[in-house]
Amino acid sequence: MGSTVTFEDALEQRPWTLRTGEIVEPNKQGSYLLNTCRANLINPDHIKYLQLYAMYKDGFLLEAGGVMHQPAQYIQAMRIIDSEVNKIHEREREASKKKGGKR
């Protein structure tokens, strides 16, 4: 299995090997082509937070009590995930507008 590299390190060595051992290659637009499913790039330690996100959105918290009773790492993870989900939804809305649809 390969090792995880930081984005900064990855910029210095193209193409590079990811944790999964898959190769990522730069394309002509300056971004990268993944030769693996994006799900394979998720750190296994973070999967639990992705699984807890749906419950968080439904109003169920990790620990009993309110937000102030939750571990800081949990709250930070939920905020990051929520921010990324919102970015995806915004891109989908923009793409729908360009196609003439409504959302």
N, C-alpha and C. Protein backbone atom coordinates (compact mmCIF):
# COMPACT_ATOMS: atom_id res chain seq x y z
N MET A 1 0.84 -1.17 0.00
CA MET A 1 0.00 0.00 0.00
C MET A 1 0.89 1.24 0.00
N GLY A 2 0.56 2.23 -0.78
CA GLY A 2 1.33 3.47 -0.86
C GLY A 2 1.12 4.32 0.37
N SER A 3 1.80 5.43 0.43
CA SER A 3 1.64 6.33 1.56
C SER A 3 0.87 7.57 1.12
N THR A 4 0.20 8.19 2.08
CA THR A 4 -0.54 9.41 1.80
C THR A 4 0.45 10.56 1.65
N VAL A 5 0.22 11.43 0.69
CA VAL A 5 1.08 12.60 0.51
C VAL A 5 0.26 13.86 0.71
N THR A 6 0.93 14.92 1.13
CA THR A 6 0.23 16.19 1.26
C THR A 6 0.04 16.77 -0.13
N PHE A 7 -0.90 17.72 -0.24
CA PHE A 7 -1.14 18.34 -1.53
C PHE A 7 0.11 19.07 -2.01
N GLU A 8 0.81 19.73 -1.08
CA GLU A 8 2.02 20.46 -1.43
C GLU A 8 3.09 19.51 -2.00
N ASP A 9 3.27 18.35 -1.34
CA ASP A 9 4.22 17.36 -1.83
C ASP A 9 3.79 16.84 -3.20
N ALA A 10 2.48 16.66 -3.35
CA ALA A 10 1.95 16.13 -4.61
C ALA A 10 2.22 17.07 -5.76
N LEU A 11 2.17 18.38 -5.49
CA LEU A 11 2.43 19.34 -6.55
C LEU A 11 3.86 19.25 -7.06
N GLU A 12 4.77 18.83 -6.19
CA GLU A 12 6.18 18.73 -6.57
C GLU A 12 6.50 17.47 -7.35
N GLN A 13 5.70 16.44 -7.22
CA GLN A 13 6.00 15.16 -7.87
C GLN A 13 4.76 14.65 -8.60
N ARG A 14 4.68 14.88 -9.90
CA ARG A 14 3.52 14.48 -10.71
C ARG A 14 3.94 13.46 -11.73
N PRO A 15 3.22 12.40 -11.96
CA PRO A 15 2.15 11.85 -11.13
C PRO A 15 2.70 11.28 -9.82
N TRP A 16 1.83 11.07 -8.83
CA TRP A 16 2.25 10.53 -7.55
C TRP A 16 1.35 9.39 -7.13
N THR A 17 1.79 8.64 -6.13
CA THR A 17 1.02 7.50 -5.65
C THR A 17 0.27 7.90 -4.39
N LEU A 18 -1.00 7.58 -4.35
CA LEU A 18 -1.83 7.87 -3.19
C LEU A 18 -1.82 6.69 -2.23
N ARG A 19 -2.49 6.87 -1.11
CA ARG A 19 -2.61 5.83 -0.09
C ARG A 19 -3.11 4.51 -0.68
N THR A 20 -3.99 4.59 -1.67
CA THR A 20 -4.57 3.39 -2.24
C THR A 20 -3.63 2.69 -3.22
N GLY A 21 -2.53 3.36 -3.57
CA GLY A 21 -1.61 2.80 -4.55
C GLY A 21 -2.01 3.16 -5.97
N GLU A 22 -3.08 3.93 -6.13
CA GLU A 22 -3.52 4.32 -7.47
C GLU A 22 -2.74 5.55 -7.92
N ILE A 23 -2.63 5.74 -9.22
CA ILE A 23 -1.90 6.87 -9.78
C ILE A 23 -2.86 7.99 -10.13
N VAL A 24 -2.43 9.19 -9.85
CA VAL A 24 -3.18 10.39 -10.21
C VAL A 24 -2.31 11.15 -11.19
N GLU A 25 -2.88 11.53 -12.31
CA GLU A 25 -2.11 12.18 -13.37
C GLU A 25 -2.65 13.57 -13.65
N PRO A 26 -1.75 14.54 -13.87
CA PRO A 26 -2.22 15.88 -14.22
C PRO A 26 -2.84 15.88 -15.61
N ASN A 27 -3.90 16.68 -15.80
CA ASN A 27 -4.47 16.81 -17.14
C ASN A 27 -4.13 18.18 -17.71
N LYS A 28 -4.58 18.48 -18.90
CA LYS A 28 -4.22 19.72 -19.59
C LYS A 28 -4.80 20.95 -18.91
N GLN A 29 -5.87 20.81 -18.14
CA GLN A 29 -6.50 21.95 -17.49
C GLN A 29 -5.84 22.31 -16.16
N GLY A 30 -4.82 21.57 -15.76
CA GLY A 30 -4.15 21.87 -14.50
C GLY A 30 -4.74 21.17 -13.30
N SER A 31 -5.80 20.39 -13.51
CA SER A 31 -6.33 19.59 -12.41
C SER A 31 -5.84 18.16 -12.60
N TYR A 32 -6.41 17.23 -11.86
CA TYR A 32 -5.89 15.87 -11.88
C TYR A 32 -6.95 14.85 -12.23
N LEU A 33 -6.53 13.82 -12.92
CA LEU A 33 -7.39 12.71 -13.30
C LEU A 33 -7.17 11.58 -12.30
N LEU A 34 -8.23 11.18 -11.61
CA LEU A 34 -8.12 10.08 -10.65
C LEU A 34 -8.33 8.76 -11.37
N ASN A 35 -7.46 7.83 -11.10
CA ASN A 35 -7.60 6.50 -11.67
C ASN A 35 -8.19 5.53 -10.66
N THR A 36 -9.03 6.06 -9.79
CA THR A 36 -9.69 5.25 -8.77
C THR A 36 -10.99 5.94 -8.36
N CYS A 37 -11.86 5.23 -7.72
CA CYS A 37 -13.08 5.80 -7.19
C CYS A 37 -12.71 6.77 -6.07
N ARG A 38 -13.40 7.91 -6.01
CA ARG A 38 -13.11 8.89 -4.97
C ARG A 38 -13.28 8.30 -3.58
N ALA A 39 -14.18 7.37 -3.42
CA ALA A 39 -14.41 6.75 -2.11
C ALA A 39 -13.15 6.05 -1.60
N ASN A 40 -12.30 5.57 -2.51
CA ASN A 40 -11.06 4.92 -2.10
C ASN A 40 -10.07 5.89 -1.49
N LEU A 41 -10.28 7.18 -1.65
CA LEU A 41 -9.35 8.17 -1.15
C LEU A 41 -9.70 8.65 0.25
N ILE A 42 -10.83 8.18 0.79
CA ILE A 42 -11.26 8.60 2.12
C ILE A 42 -10.42 7.88 3.16
N ASN A 43 -9.91 8.65 4.09
CA ASN A 43 -9.16 8.09 5.20
C ASN A 43 -10.11 7.22 6.03
N PRO A 44 -9.76 5.96 6.26
CA PRO A 44 -10.65 5.07 7.02
C PRO A 44 -11.03 5.62 8.39
N ASP A 45 -10.14 6.41 9.00
CA ASP A 45 -10.45 7.00 10.31
C ASP A 45 -11.58 8.03 10.23
N HIS A 46 -11.84 8.57 9.04
CA HIS A 46 -12.85 9.61 8.89
C HIS A 46 -14.20 9.07 8.44
N ILE A 47 -14.26 7.80 8.09
CA ILE A 47 -15.52 7.21 7.63
C ILE A 47 -16.60 7.31 8.70
N LYS A 48 -16.22 7.17 9.97
CA LYS A 48 -17.22 7.25 11.04
C LYS A 48 -17.93 8.60 11.03
N TYR A 49 -17.21 9.68 10.70
CA TYR A 49 -17.84 10.99 10.67
C TYR A 49 -18.81 11.10 9.49
N LEU A 50 -18.48 10.50 8.38
CA LEU A 50 -19.40 10.51 7.24
C LEU A 50 -20.66 9.72 7.58
N GLN A 51 -20.52 8.65 8.32
CA GLN A 51 -21.67 7.85 8.72
C GLN A 51 -22.54 8.60 9.73
N LEU A 52 -21.92 9.41 10.59
CA LEU A 52 -22.65 10.17 11.60
C LEU A 52 -23.32 11.41 11.02
N TYR A 53 -22.90 11.84 9.84
CA TYR A 53 -23.41 13.08 9.26
C TYR A 53 -24.92 13.04 9.01
N ALA A 54 -25.43 11.95 8.48
CA ALA A 54 -26.88 11.85 8.21
C ALA A 54 -27.67 11.99 9.50
N MET A 55 -27.19 11.38 10.57
CA MET A 55 -27.88 11.52 11.86
C MET A 55 -27.78 12.95 12.38
N TYR A 56 -26.64 13.58 12.17
CA TYR A 56 -26.44 14.98 12.56
C TYR A 56 -27.45 15.87 11.83
N LYS A 57 -27.62 15.66 10.54
CA LYS A 57 -28.58 16.46 9.76
C LYS A 57 -30.01 16.22 10.21
N ASP A 58 -30.29 15.04 10.76
CA ASP A 58 -31.63 14.74 11.27
C ASP A 58 -31.82 15.21 12.70
N GLY A 59 -30.80 15.87 13.27
CA GLY A 59 -30.92 16.43 14.61
C GLY A 59 -30.42 15.56 15.74
N PHE A 60 -29.78 14.44 15.41
CA PHE A 60 -29.26 13.55 16.45
C PHE A 60 -27.77 13.83 16.63
N LEU A 61 -27.38 14.13 17.86
CA LEU A 61 -25.99 14.42 18.17
C LEU A 61 -25.28 13.18 18.69
N LEU A 62 -23.98 13.23 18.69
CA LEU A 62 -23.16 12.09 19.11
C LEU A 62 -23.34 11.79 20.59
N GLU A 63 -23.30 12.82 21.41
CA GLU A 63 -23.41 12.66 22.87
C GLU A 63 -24.74 13.24 23.35
N ALA A 64 -25.19 12.78 24.50
CA ALA A 64 -26.40 13.34 25.10
C ALA A 64 -26.17 14.81 25.42
N GLY A 65 -27.21 15.60 25.39
CA GLY A 65 -27.10 17.02 25.68
C GLY A 65 -27.15 17.85 24.41
N GLY A 66 -26.72 19.07 24.52
CA GLY A 66 -26.74 19.99 23.39
C GLY A 66 -25.41 20.07 22.67
N VAL A 67 -25.29 21.06 21.82
CA VAL A 67 -24.07 21.24 21.03
C VAL A 67 -22.86 21.45 21.94
N MET A 68 -23.04 22.15 23.04
CA MET A 68 -21.92 22.43 23.94
C MET A 68 -21.40 21.17 24.64
N HIS A 69 -22.16 20.08 24.57
CA HIS A 69 -21.75 18.82 25.20
C HIS A 69 -21.06 17.88 24.21
N GLN A 70 -20.90 18.32 22.96
CA GLN A 70 -20.31 17.47 21.93
C GLN A 70 -18.80 17.66 21.88
N PRO A 71 -18.05 16.60 21.53
CA PRO A 71 -16.61 16.74 21.37
C PRO A 71 -16.30 17.75 20.25
N ALA A 72 -15.29 18.58 20.46
CA ALA A 72 -14.93 19.61 19.48
C ALA A 72 -14.59 18.98 18.13
N GLN A 73 -13.93 17.83 18.14
CA GLN A 73 -13.57 17.17 16.88
C GLN A 73 -14.81 16.76 16.09
N TYR A 74 -15.83 16.31 16.79
CA TYR A 74 -17.09 15.93 16.15
C TYR A 74 -17.76 17.15 15.51
N ILE A 75 -17.86 18.25 16.25
CA ILE A 75 -18.48 19.46 15.72
C ILE A 75 -17.70 19.97 14.52
N GLN A 76 -16.38 19.98 14.62
CA GLN A 76 -15.56 20.43 13.50
C GLN A 76 -15.77 19.56 12.27
N ALA A 77 -15.82 18.25 12.47
CA ALA A 77 -16.03 17.32 11.34
C ALA A 77 -17.39 17.55 10.69
N MET A 78 -18.43 17.75 11.49
CA MET A 78 -19.76 17.98 10.93
C MET A 78 -19.81 19.29 10.15
N ARG A 79 -19.13 20.32 10.64
CA ARG A 79 -19.09 21.60 9.92
C ARG A 79 -18.36 21.47 8.59
N ILE A 80 -17.25 20.75 8.59
CA ILE A 80 -16.49 20.55 7.35
C ILE A 80 -17.32 19.78 6.34
N ILE A 81 -17.91 18.68 6.77
CA ILE A 81 -18.73 17.86 5.87
C ILE A 81 -19.90 18.67 5.34
N ASP A 82 -20.57 19.41 6.21
CA ASP A 82 -21.71 20.21 5.80
C ASP A 82 -21.30 21.26 4.78
N SER A 83 -20.15 21.87 4.99
CA SER A 83 -19.65 22.87 4.04
C SER A 83 -19.40 22.25 2.67
N GLU A 84 -18.80 21.08 2.65
CA GLU A 84 -18.52 20.41 1.38
C GLU A 84 -19.81 19.97 0.68
N VAL A 85 -20.77 19.48 1.45
CA VAL A 85 -22.07 19.08 0.87
C VAL A 85 -22.75 20.31 0.27
N ASN A 86 -22.70 21.43 0.97
CA ASN A 86 -23.29 22.66 0.45
C ASN A 86 -22.62 23.11 -0.84
N LYS A 87 -21.31 22.95 -0.94
CA LYS A 87 -20.60 23.30 -2.18
C LYS A 87 -21.07 22.42 -3.33
N ILE A 88 -21.25 21.15 -3.07
CA ILE A 88 -21.73 20.23 -4.11
C ILE A 88 -23.13 20.64 -4.56
N HIS A 89 -24.00 20.94 -3.61
CA HIS A 89 -25.37 21.36 -3.96
C HIS A 89 -25.35 22.65 -4.77
N GLU A 90 -24.48 23.58 -4.41
CA GLU A 90 -24.39 24.84 -5.15
C GLU A 90 -23.93 24.60 -6.58
N ARG A 91 -22.93 23.73 -6.76
CA ARG A 91 -22.48 23.40 -8.12
C ARG A 91 -23.59 22.75 -8.92
N GLU A 92 -24.37 21.89 -8.28
CA GLU A 92 -25.49 21.25 -8.97
C GLU A 92 -26.55 22.27 -9.37
N ARG A 93 -26.83 23.25 -8.48
CA ARG A 93 -27.79 24.30 -8.81
C ARG A 93 -27.30 25.15 -9.98
N GLU A 94 -26.02 25.49 -9.97
CA GLU A 94 -25.44 26.29 -11.06
C GLU A 94 -25.49 25.52 -12.38
N ALA A 95 -25.17 24.23 -12.34
CA ALA A 95 -25.22 23.42 -13.55
C ALA A 95 -26.65 23.31 -14.07
N SER A 96 -27.60 23.19 -13.15
CA SER A 96 -29.01 23.11 -13.54
C SER A 96 -29.47 24.41 -14.19
N LYS A 97 -29.03 25.56 -13.65
CA LYS A 97 -29.38 26.85 -14.22
C LYS A 97 -28.83 27.00 -15.64
N LYS A 98 -27.61 26.52 -15.83
CA LYS A 98 -26.99 26.61 -17.16
C LYS A 98 -27.73 25.78 -18.18
N LYS A 99 -28.33 24.68 -17.71
CA LYS A 99 -29.09 23.81 -18.62
C LYS A 99 -30.52 24.30 -18.79
N GLY A 100 -30.88 25.36 -18.07
CA GLY A 100 -32.23 25.91 -18.19
C GLY A 100 -33.23 25.32 -17.25
N GLY A 101 -32.79 24.46 -16.33
CA GLY A 101 -33.70 23.86 -15.37
C GLY A 101 -33.82 24.71 -14.12
N LYS A 102 -34.73 24.32 -13.27
CA LYS A 102 -34.92 25.03 -12.00
C LYS A 102 -34.69 24.06 -10.87
N ARG A 103 -34.14 24.59 -9.78
CA ARG A 103 -33.94 23.80 -8.56
C ARG A 103 -34.22 24.64 -7.38
